[in-house]
Amino acid sequence: MVAALALGLGLFFHSPRRALLPLVGLALLSTGLVAAFDQSRAWRLLTVATELFQHPVLLGPLQPPELLGYFLSWLLLGLGGYVWYKQQTKLDTVERVALPTLLALIFLLSFPLLNADYARRLMLMVFVPQAVLCLLLFQFLSLRTGNALGIALIAACLLFSPGLLHFKQPVISQAAFDNLEEMKSRLPLEGNTLVIARHGLEWWAGWALHCKTGNEKGVDGETPGRYRQVLFLHQKKGEEPSGPMAADNYPGFREPQPPFGELEEVLDTEFFRVYRWEN
């Protein structure tokens, strides 16, 4: 969808008066392509406006790499806007389309009032238009300014890199993970079994239990018919505070609950409870 957005912006800046029909066709084609693989995600694309600005990322905790991403975005937006205003006569036909397209794309992907979950995902992609915009802008900067900007960008990326800061922490403690691995021999996981856990924990559950896993968003009325059994995994303790979205304003992801039916307890350990979904 980000690629479709980039193409749509390019069509608009190339020919604003004749872009309406191609933009409508692009929107229908891209949404239809998503629907061909996953109808639920296509529907979420159509209804994304209802949650796109809830819990803005600006009001939550930002990690250093995210701060760096926003800093670079707004720095490049300022430089790009200046070049677009001052150097219009020096821009060729391609640059007259590419420059505003990149500026608009970076602005939309880095908009600080987006929902934190969406914003963090988009921030993983914004480096692509940032890098292309840098290549476009450097030709309009003096050698000294270009060298200084390049050194500053490299230094900032190294300074705020995740590998240097080690800011990323597991969402569960080591003791909880050890307990999760021990549970494999005590659970009836043979056959076509699905384990549902909260977002973040489902990856650890899949790795430790060697089974199919998912989170609450993927559960619907058809889920029980696809699997021999569906188990719900709830964590009692050992959850690290650095888990996804865990903060005062973002309490983290809740333990999953089925949309209907009842949960029957099948295992209770020091760190986890496991339930079978009866419907």
Protein backbone atom coordinates (compact mmCIF):
# COMPACT_ATOMS: atom_id res chain seq x y z
CA MET A 1 0.00 0.00 0.00
CA VAL A 2 2.95 2.34 0.60
CA ALA A 3 4.16 1.57 -2.92
CA ALA A 4 0.67 2.31 -4.26
CA LEU A 5 0.65 5.56 -2.29
CA ALA A 6 4.00 6.57 -3.80
CA LEU A 7 2.74 5.80 -7.30
CA GLY A 8 -0.50 7.71 -6.66
CA LEU A 9 1.38 10.78 -5.45
CA GLY A 10 3.62 10.59 -8.51
CA LEU A 11 0.60 10.47 -10.81
CA PHE A 12 -0.93 13.47 -9.04
CA PHE A 13 2.19 15.65 -9.25
CA HIS A 14 2.81 14.59 -12.85
CA SER A 15 -0.63 15.61 -14.05
CA PRO A 16 -3.01 16.89 -11.35
CA ARG A 17 -5.92 17.53 -13.71
CA ARG A 18 -5.85 14.08 -15.32
CA ALA A 19 -4.91 12.02 -12.24
CA LEU A 20 -8.38 11.38 -10.81
CA LEU A 21 -9.35 8.32 -12.89
CA PRO A 22 -5.88 6.69 -12.67
CA LEU A 23 -5.89 7.25 -8.88
CA VAL A 24 -9.32 5.63 -8.52
CA GLY A 25 -8.18 2.71 -10.69
CA LEU A 26 -4.98 2.36 -8.66
CA ALA A 27 -6.93 2.34 -5.38
CA LEU A 28 -9.35 -0.33 -6.65
CA LEU A 29 -6.57 -2.45 -8.13
CA SER A 30 -4.33 -2.35 -5.06
CA THR A 31 -7.18 -3.04 -2.62
CA GLY A 32 -8.46 -5.83 -4.85
CA LEU A 33 -5.00 -7.37 -4.99
CA VAL A 34 -4.83 -7.41 -1.19
CA ALA A 35 -8.36 -8.88 -1.02
CA ALA A 36 -7.33 -11.72 -3.33
CA PHE A 37 -4.88 -12.90 -0.67
CA ASP A 38 -6.54 -11.74 2.57
CA GLN A 39 -10.06 -10.30 2.65
CA SER A 40 -9.84 -9.27 6.31
CA ARG A 41 -6.80 -7.10 5.63
CA ALA A 42 -8.48 -5.52 2.63
CA TRP A 43 -11.45 -4.63 4.84
CA ARG A 44 -9.08 -3.14 7.43
CA LEU A 45 -7.58 -0.96 4.69
CA LEU A 46 -11.05 0.37 3.89
CA THR A 47 -11.83 1.09 7.56
CA VAL A 48 -8.37 2.19 8.69
CA ALA A 49 -9.50 5.82 9.09
CA THR A 50 -11.50 4.86 12.21
CA GLU A 51 -8.32 4.01 14.15
CA LEU A 52 -5.53 5.77 12.24
CA PHE A 53 -5.31 8.71 14.67
CA GLN A 54 -6.10 6.94 17.96
CA HIS A 55 -3.24 6.90 20.52
CA PRO A 56 -0.88 9.17 18.49
CA VAL A 57 2.75 8.17 18.53
CA LEU A 58 3.70 11.72 19.55
CA LEU A 59 2.01 11.22 22.94
CA GLY A 60 3.71 7.89 23.69
CA PRO A 61 7.28 6.80 24.46
CA LEU A 62 9.63 7.04 21.48
CA GLN A 63 12.76 4.91 21.19
CA PRO A 64 16.01 6.56 19.97
CA PRO A 65 15.81 5.06 16.44
CA GLU A 66 12.27 6.41 16.11
CA LEU A 67 13.39 9.84 17.27
CA LEU A 68 16.18 9.70 14.70
CA GLY A 69 13.70 8.74 11.97
CA TYR A 70 11.43 11.69 12.74
CA PHE A 71 14.40 14.06 13.03
CA LEU A 72 15.73 12.99 9.62
CA SER A 73 12.27 13.21 8.07
CA TRP A 74 11.64 16.76 9.19
CA LEU A 75 15.20 17.83 8.40
CA LEU A 76 14.85 16.47 4.86
CA LEU A 77 11.39 18.00 4.51
CA GLY A 78 12.88 21.40 5.36
CA LEU A 79 15.81 20.99 2.97
CA GLY A 80 13.61 19.58 0.24
CA GLY A 81 11.06 22.35 0.58
CA TYR A 82 13.85 24.94 0.38
CA VAL A 83 15.33 23.35 -2.76
CA TRP A 84 11.89 22.99 -4.35
CA TYR A 85 11.22 26.70 -3.75
CA LYS A 86 14.67 28.08 -4.63
CA GLN A 87 15.83 25.75 -7.40
CA GLN A 88 12.67 25.26 -9.48
CA THR A 89 14.33 26.53 -12.65
CA LYS A 90 17.16 23.99 -12.29
CA LEU A 91 14.88 20.96 -11.86
CA ASP A 92 14.38 18.76 -14.91
CA THR A 93 11.06 17.11 -15.79
CA VAL A 94 11.63 14.01 -13.65
CA GLU A 95 12.87 16.01 -10.65
CA ARG A 96 9.82 18.29 -10.77
CA VAL A 97 7.68 15.21 -10.13
CA ALA A 98 10.05 13.20 -7.93
CA LEU A 99 10.84 15.97 -5.44
CA PRO A 100 7.26 16.83 -4.35
CA THR A 101 6.31 13.13 -4.48
CA LEU A 102 9.11 12.22 -2.07
CA LEU A 103 8.34 15.17 0.20
CA ALA A 104 4.64 14.26 0.38
CA LEU A 105 5.42 10.57 0.96
CA ILE A 106 7.89 11.31 3.77
CA PHE A 107 5.42 13.73 5.35
CA LEU A 108 2.62 11.15 5.34
CA LEU A 109 4.80 8.29 6.61
CA SER A 110 6.29 10.47 9.36
CA PHE A 111 3.14 12.29 10.45
CA PRO A 112 3.47 12.38 14.28
CA LEU A 113 -0.26 12.15 15.03
CA LEU A 114 -0.67 8.71 13.47
CA ASN A 115 -1.62 5.77 15.68
CA ALA A 116 1.55 4.52 17.40
CA ASP A 117 1.24 0.98 16.06
CA TYR A 118 0.84 2.18 12.46
CA ALA A 119 3.50 4.87 12.87
CA ARG A 120 6.14 2.39 14.03
CA ARG A 121 5.45 0.14 11.05
CA LEU A 122 5.59 3.03 8.60
CA MET A 123 8.81 4.29 10.19
CA LEU A 124 10.43 1.00 9.13
CA MET A 125 9.75 1.96 5.50
CA VAL A 126 10.42 5.70 5.49
CA PHE A 127 14.17 5.25 5.06
CA VAL A 128 13.58 4.36 1.38
CA PRO A 129 12.12 7.74 0.32
CA GLN A 130 14.55 9.44 2.74
CA ALA A 131 17.52 7.84 0.96
CA VAL A 132 16.20 8.70 -2.52
CA LEU A 133 15.51 12.29 -1.45
CA CYS A 134 19.05 12.59 -0.09
CA LEU A 135 20.44 11.53 -3.49
CA LEU A 136 18.23 14.11 -5.17
CA LEU A 137 19.13 16.94 -2.80
CA PHE A 138 22.89 16.47 -2.68
CA GLN A 139 23.33 17.74 -6.24
CA PHE A 140 21.87 21.11 -5.21
CA LEU A 141 24.10 21.53 -2.13
CA SER A 142 27.61 22.89 -2.07
CA LEU A 143 30.43 20.38 -1.62
CA ARG A 144 31.12 21.58 1.93
CA THR A 145 27.44 21.49 2.93
CA GLY A 146 26.93 18.10 1.30
CA ASN A 147 29.96 16.59 3.05
CA ALA A 148 28.91 18.03 6.42
CA LEU A 149 25.36 16.73 5.99
CA GLY A 150 26.59 13.29 4.91
CA ILE A 151 28.93 12.98 7.91
CA ALA A 152 26.17 14.15 10.26
CA LEU A 153 23.70 11.60 8.86
CA ILE A 154 26.20 8.74 9.16
CA ALA A 155 27.16 9.75 12.71
CA ALA A 156 23.51 10.06 13.75
CA CYS A 157 22.64 6.64 12.30
CA LEU A 158 25.56 5.02 14.11
CA LEU A 159 24.83 6.84 17.37
CA PHE A 160 21.15 5.88 17.43
CA SER A 161 21.47 2.40 15.95
CA PRO A 162 19.69 -0.44 17.82
CA GLY A 163 22.87 -2.54 17.83
CA LEU A 164 24.76 0.16 19.74
CA LEU A 165 22.03 0.97 22.25
CA HIS A 166 20.68 -2.58 22.77
CA PHE A 167 17.29 -1.02 23.44
CA LYS A 168 15.26 -3.98 22.16
CA GLN A 169 14.29 -6.34 24.99
CA PRO A 170 12.26 -9.59 25.02
CA VAL A 171 8.61 -9.33 26.00
CA ILE A 172 8.97 -12.20 28.50
CA SER A 173 11.60 -13.07 31.10
CA GLN A 174 14.09 -15.90 30.66
CA ALA A 175 12.36 -17.89 33.42
CA ALA A 176 9.00 -17.52 31.67
CA PHE A 177 10.51 -18.70 28.38
CA ASP A 178 12.09 -21.73 30.09
CA ASN A 179 8.68 -22.55 31.54
CA LEU A 180 7.16 -22.20 28.07
CA GLU A 181 9.62 -24.72 26.65
CA GLU A 182 8.88 -27.18 29.47
CA MET A 183 5.16 -27.00 28.67
CA LYS A 184 5.65 -28.61 25.25
CA SER A 185 5.76 -32.14 26.71
CA ARG A 186 2.72 -31.46 28.91
CA LEU A 187 0.35 -30.10 26.28
CA PRO A 188 -1.72 -32.08 23.73
CA LEU A 189 -0.16 -30.41 20.69
CA GLU A 190 -0.25 -33.37 18.33
CA GLY A 191 -2.15 -32.91 15.11
CA ASN A 192 -3.56 -29.67 13.77
CA THR A 193 -3.47 -27.48 16.91
CA LEU A 194 -3.54 -23.67 17.04
CA VAL A 195 -2.31 -21.71 20.07
CA ILE A 196 -3.64 -18.17 20.51
CA ALA A 197 -1.53 -15.79 22.63
CA ARG A 198 -1.34 -12.03 23.08
CA HIS A 199 0.51 -10.06 20.42
CA GLY A 200 4.25 -10.40 21.03
CA LEU A 201 3.97 -13.62 23.01
CA GLU A 202 2.66 -15.63 20.04
CA TRP A 203 6.12 -15.62 18.41
CA TRP A 204 7.80 -17.02 21.55
CA ALA A 205 5.01 -19.60 21.88
CA GLY A 206 5.50 -20.76 18.29
CA TRP A 207 9.26 -21.07 18.80
CA ALA A 208 9.07 -22.87 22.15
CA LEU A 209 6.06 -25.11 21.52
CA HIS A 210 6.73 -25.89 17.83
CA CYS A 211 3.09 -25.36 16.85
CA LYS A 212 0.92 -23.01 14.85
CA THR A 213 0.24 -19.79 16.72
CA GLY A 214 -1.69 -16.55 16.26
CA ASN A 215 -3.08 -13.62 18.20
CA GLU A 216 -6.59 -12.47 19.00
CA LYS A 217 -6.98 -10.41 15.82
CA GLY A 218 -6.89 -13.54 13.69
CA VAL A 219 -9.67 -15.36 15.55
CA ASP A 220 -13.14 -15.44 14.02
CA GLY A 221 -16.14 -17.73 13.72
CA GLU A 222 -14.38 -19.94 11.15
CA THR A 223 -11.25 -20.55 13.23
CA PRO A 224 -12.51 -23.62 15.19
CA GLY A 225 -13.42 -25.42 11.97
CA ARG A 226 -9.88 -25.10 10.58
CA TYR A 227 -8.13 -26.83 13.50
CA ARG A 228 -8.52 -29.99 15.54
CA GLN A 229 -8.29 -27.86 18.66
CA VAL A 230 -7.63 -24.23 19.57
CA LEU A 231 -5.76 -23.41 22.80
CA PHE A 232 -5.55 -20.00 24.47
CA LEU A 233 -2.33 -19.14 26.28
CA HIS A 234 -2.51 -16.62 29.15
CA GLN A 235 0.55 -15.36 31.02
CA LYS A 236 0.37 -15.01 34.81
CA LYS A 237 3.76 -13.36 35.45
CA GLY A 238 7.19 -12.87 33.92
CA GLU A 239 6.07 -10.27 31.40
CA GLU A 240 8.80 -7.72 30.72
CA PRO A 241 7.73 -4.03 30.89
CA SER A 242 9.49 -3.38 27.59
CA GLY A 243 6.95 -5.39 25.63
CA PRO A 244 5.11 -3.91 22.63
CA MET A 245 3.22 -0.73 23.49
CA ALA A 246 3.90 -1.17 27.22
CA ALA A 247 3.78 2.24 28.90
CA ASP A 248 1.51 4.37 31.07
CA ASN A 249 -0.58 5.56 28.13
CA TYR A 250 -0.23 2.25 26.29
CA PRO A 251 -0.94 -0.61 28.70
CA GLY A 252 0.21 -3.25 26.23
CA PHE A 253 -1.74 -6.06 24.65
CA ARG A 254 -4.32 -7.90 26.72
CA GLU A 255 -4.53 -11.63 27.21
CA PRO A 256 -6.68 -13.01 24.36
CA GLN A 257 -10.30 -14.04 24.76
CA PRO A 258 -12.48 -15.99 22.28
CA PRO A 259 -15.30 -14.13 20.53
CA PHE A 260 -17.79 -16.76 21.72
CA GLY A 261 -17.91 -20.07 23.61
CA GLU A 262 -16.01 -20.91 26.79
CA LEU A 263 -12.43 -21.61 27.87
CA GLU A 264 -11.67 -24.86 29.69
CA GLU A 265 -8.41 -24.92 31.64
CA VAL A 266 -6.04 -27.72 30.59
CA LEU A 267 -2.75 -26.65 32.21
CA ASP A 268 -1.65 -24.31 35.00
CA THR A 269 2.05 -23.58 35.53
CA GLU A 270 4.05 -21.01 37.44
CA PHE A 271 3.99 -18.52 34.57
CA PHE A 272 1.15 -19.58 32.27
CA ARG A 273 -2.36 -20.95 32.06
CA VAL A 274 -3.55 -22.83 28.99
CA TYR A 275 -7.22 -23.18 28.04
CA ARG A 276 -9.02 -25.20 25.39
CA TRP A 277 -11.62 -23.27 23.43
CA GLU A 278 -14.99 -25.00 23.68
CA ASN A 279 -17.65 -23.63 21.36
